[in-house]
C-alpha atoms as a PDB file:
ATOM      1  CA  MET A   1     147.126 189.402 -67.694  1.00  0.00           C
ATOM      2  CA  ALA A   2     143.652 189.658 -66.217  1.00  0.00           C
ATOM      3  CA  THR A   3     143.511 186.090 -64.835  1.00  0.00           C
ATOM      4  CA  ALA A   4     146.518 184.210 -63.484  1.00  0.00           C
ATOM      5  CA  GLY A   5     146.956 180.572 -64.419  1.00  0.00           C
ATOM      6  CA  LYS A   6     148.357 178.109 -66.914  1.00  0.00           C
ATOM      7  CA  TYR A   7     147.688 179.023 -70.534  1.00  0.00           C
ATOM      8  CA  GLU A   8     148.146 177.000 -73.686  1.00  0.00           C
ATOM      9  CA  ALA A   9     149.945 179.108 -76.301  1.00  0.00           C
ATOM     10  CA  VAL A  10     149.206 178.498 -79.990  1.00  0.00           C
ATOM     11  CA  ILE A  11     150.735 180.590 -82.774  1.00  0.00           C
ATOM     12  CA  TYR A  12     149.734 180.714 -86.446  1.00  0.00           C
ATOM     13  CA  TYR A  13     152.557 180.944 -88.970  1.00  0.00           C
ATOM     14  CA  ALA A  14     153.878 180.382 -92.477  1.00  0.00           C
ATOM     15  CA  VAL A  15     157.463 179.401 -93.354  1.00  0.00           C
ATOM     16  CA  PRO A  16     159.138 177.849 -96.389  1.00  0.00           C
ATOM     17  CA  SER A  17     160.771 174.445 -95.968  1.00  0.00           C
ATOM     18  CA  ALA A  18     164.245 175.985 -96.415  1.00  0.00           C
ATOM     19  CA  ASP A  19     163.758 177.981 -93.192  1.00  0.00           C
ATOM     20  CA  ILE A  20     162.288 175.414 -90.769  1.00  0.00           C
ATOM     21  CA  GLY A  21     164.186 174.712 -87.564  1.00  0.00           C
ATOM     22  CA  SER A  22     163.933 178.032 -85.715  1.00  0.00           C
ATOM     23  CA  THR A  23     163.298 178.005 -81.980  1.00  0.00           C
ATOM     24  CA  VAL A  24     160.478 180.290 -80.820  1.00  0.00           C
ATOM     25  CA  GLU A  25     160.138 181.441 -77.209  1.00  0.00           C
ATOM     26  CA  LEU A  26     157.177 183.097 -75.477  1.00  0.00           C
ATOM     27  CA  SER A  27     157.890 184.785 -72.132  1.00  0.00           C
ATOM     28  CA  PHE A  28     156.060 186.851 -69.524  1.00  0.00           C
ATOM     29  CA  GLN A  29     157.352 188.032 -66.137  1.00  0.00           C
ATOM     30  CA  GLY A  30     160.078 185.390 -65.861  1.00  0.00           C
ATOM     31  CA  ASN A  31     158.055 182.421 -67.136  1.00  0.00           C
ATOM     32  CA  ARG A  32     158.603 181.023 -70.606  1.00  0.00           C
ATOM     33  CA  VAL A  33     157.668 178.282 -73.052  1.00  0.00           C
ATOM     34  CA  GLU A  34     159.640 177.280 -76.116  1.00  0.00           C
ATOM     35  CA  GLY A  35     158.930 175.375 -79.313  1.00  0.00           C
ATOM     36  CA  LYS A  36     160.724 174.478 -82.518  1.00  0.00           C
ATOM     37  CA  VAL A  37     159.314 175.091 -85.996  1.00  0.00           C
ATOM     38  CA  THR A  38     159.542 171.635 -87.585  1.00  0.00           C
ATOM     39  CA  VAL A  39     156.758 171.747 -90.184  1.00  0.00           C
ATOM     40  CA  ALA A  40     156.899 173.945 -93.272  1.00  0.00           C
ATOM     41  CA  ASN A  41     153.895 175.979 -94.375  1.00  0.00           C
ATOM     42  CA  ASP A  42     154.745 177.668 -97.640  1.00  0.00           C
ATOM     43  CA  ALA A  43     151.150 178.652 -98.394  1.00  0.00           C
ATOM     44  CA  PRO A  44     150.927 181.166-101.221  1.00  0.00           C
ATOM     45  CA  LEU A  45     149.337 184.582-100.891  1.00  0.00           C
ATOM     46  CA  HIS A  46     145.980 184.825-102.641  1.00  0.00           C
ATOM     47  CA  GLY A  47     142.918 187.048-102.730  1.00  0.00           C
ATOM     48  CA  THR A  48     143.685 189.699-105.327  1.00  0.00           C
ATOM     49  CA  GLU A  49     140.762 188.367-107.359  1.00  0.00           C
ATOM     50  CA  HIS A  50     138.502 190.000-104.726  1.00  0.00           C
ATOM     51  CA  ASP A  51     140.086 193.467-104.939  1.00  0.00           C
ATOM     52  CA  ARG A  52     137.719 196.172-106.156  1.00  0.00           C
ATOM     53  CA  ALA A  53     140.341 198.677-107.288  1.00  0.00           C
ATOM     54  CA  PRO A  54     143.261 198.010-109.638  1.00  0.00           C
ATOM     55  CA  ARG A  55     145.687 200.115-107.557  1.00  0.00           C
ATOM     56  CA  GLY A  56     147.379 197.129-105.954  1.00  0.00           C
ATOM     57  CA  PRO A  57     146.865 194.154-103.699  1.00  0.00           C
ATOM     58  CA  GLU A  58     144.435 194.994-100.914  1.00  0.00           C
ATOM     59  CA  SER A  59     143.122 191.683 -99.714  1.00  0.00           C
ATOM     60  CA  LEU A  60     146.040 189.270 -99.841  1.00  0.00           C
ATOM     61  CA  VAL A  61     145.541 186.394 -97.441  1.00  0.00           C
ATOM     62  CA  ARG A  62     147.308 183.143 -96.675  1.00  0.00           C
ATOM     63  CA  ASP A  63     146.432 179.830 -95.083  1.00  0.00           C
ATOM     64  CA  TRP A  64     148.170 179.937 -91.711  1.00  0.00           C
ATOM     65  CA  LYS A  65     149.322 176.825 -89.838  1.00  0.00           C
ATOM     66  CA  PRO A  66     148.795 176.499 -86.067  1.00  0.00           C
ATOM     67  CA  MET A  67     151.684 175.451 -83.819  1.00  0.00           C
ATOM     68  CA  THR A  68     151.271 174.701 -80.125  1.00  0.00           C
ATOM     69  CA  LEU A  69     154.169 176.108 -78.116  1.00  0.00           C
ATOM     70  CA  GLY A  70     152.968 174.473 -74.895  1.00  0.00           C
ATOM     71  CA  GLU A  71     151.753 175.728 -71.538  1.00  0.00           C
ATOM     72  CA  ILE A  72     153.014 178.830 -69.787  1.00  0.00           C
ATOM     73  CA  GLU A  73     152.213 180.060 -66.277  1.00  0.00           C
ATOM     74  CA  LEU A  74     151.027 183.664 -66.457  1.00  0.00           C
ATOM     75  CA  LYS A  75     150.780 185.907 -63.404  1.00  0.00           C
ATOM     76  CA  GLN A  76     148.035 188.461 -62.979  1.00  0.00           C
ATOM     77  CA  GLY A  77     149.052 191.998 -63.815  1.00  0.00           C
ATOM     78  CA  ARG A  78     150.585 194.143 -66.479  1.00  0.00           C
ATOM     79  CA  GLY A  79     153.792 193.273 -68.273  1.00  0.00           C
ATOM     80  CA  GLN A  80     155.414 192.680 -71.613  1.00  0.00           C
ATOM     81  CA  LEU A  81     154.519 189.450 -73.382  1.00  0.00           C
ATOM     82  CA  THR A  82     157.474 188.658 -75.639  1.00  0.00           C
ATOM     83  CA  LEU A  83     157.694 186.311 -78.621  1.00  0.00           C
ATOM     84  CA  ARG A  84     161.238 185.928 -79.900  1.00  0.00           C
ATOM     85  CA  ALA A  85     163.446 183.499 -81.819  1.00  0.00           C
ATOM     86  CA  PRO A  86     166.652 182.607 -79.946  1.00  0.00           C
ATOM     87  CA  GLN A  87     167.837 180.264 -82.741  1.00  0.00           C
ATOM     88  CA  ILE A  88     167.402 180.952 -86.465  1.00  0.00           C
ATOM     89  CA  PRO A  89     169.213 178.394 -88.654  1.00  0.00           C
ATOM     90  CA  GLY A  90     167.717 179.637 -91.961  1.00  0.00           C
ATOM     91  CA  LYS A  91     167.248 183.059 -93.527  1.00  0.00           C
ATOM     92  CA  SER A  92     164.081 183.848 -91.568  1.00  0.00           C
ATOM     93  CA  VAL A  93     162.013 182.607 -88.628  1.00  0.00           C
ATOM     94  CA  MET A  94     158.469 182.728 -90.033  1.00  0.00           C
ATOM     95  CA  ASP A  95     155.640 184.987 -91.071  1.00  0.00           C
ATOM     96  CA  PHE A  96     153.640 185.316 -87.856  1.00  0.00           C
ATOM     97  CA  ARG A  97     149.878 185.954 -87.994  1.00  0.00           C
ATOM     98  CA  LEU A  98     148.419 185.628 -84.506  1.00  0.00           C
ATOM     99  CA  MET A  99     148.563 183.903 -81.130  1.00  0.00           C
ATOM    100  CA  PHE A 100     145.859 182.399 -78.939  1.00  0.00           C
ATOM    101  CA  LEU A 101     146.310 182.041 -75.187  1.00  0.00           C
ATOM    102  CA  THR A 102     143.752 179.638 -73.721  1.00  0.00           C
ATOM    103  CA  LEU A 103     143.354 179.335 -69.945  1.00  0.00           C
ATOM    104  CA  LYS A 104     143.686 175.688 -68.867  1.00  0.00           C
ATOM    105  CA  LYS A 105     141.242 174.504 -66.223  1.00  0.00           C
END
């Protein structure tokens, strides 16, 4: 991490209603924040109508749902940022798209 401080962690995901309930944990150098997936987002894949070649789906996209995990204290320096699911009550955790870390002032 280039700048130490408290960061708000937001992930973007999709999950069917049958699989909600997983716990998701973000950790870095001994600090962690945890959240529970409580809202389904079973958005369908779409976008093949924009493909230029008939060889298969190239531009499939989905509407991703944001979920705030909370705030995590991140130290300056190199290390492994880990996103994991310690509890998975359904068949899967989620389809994960991206994460934003925003420095809190």
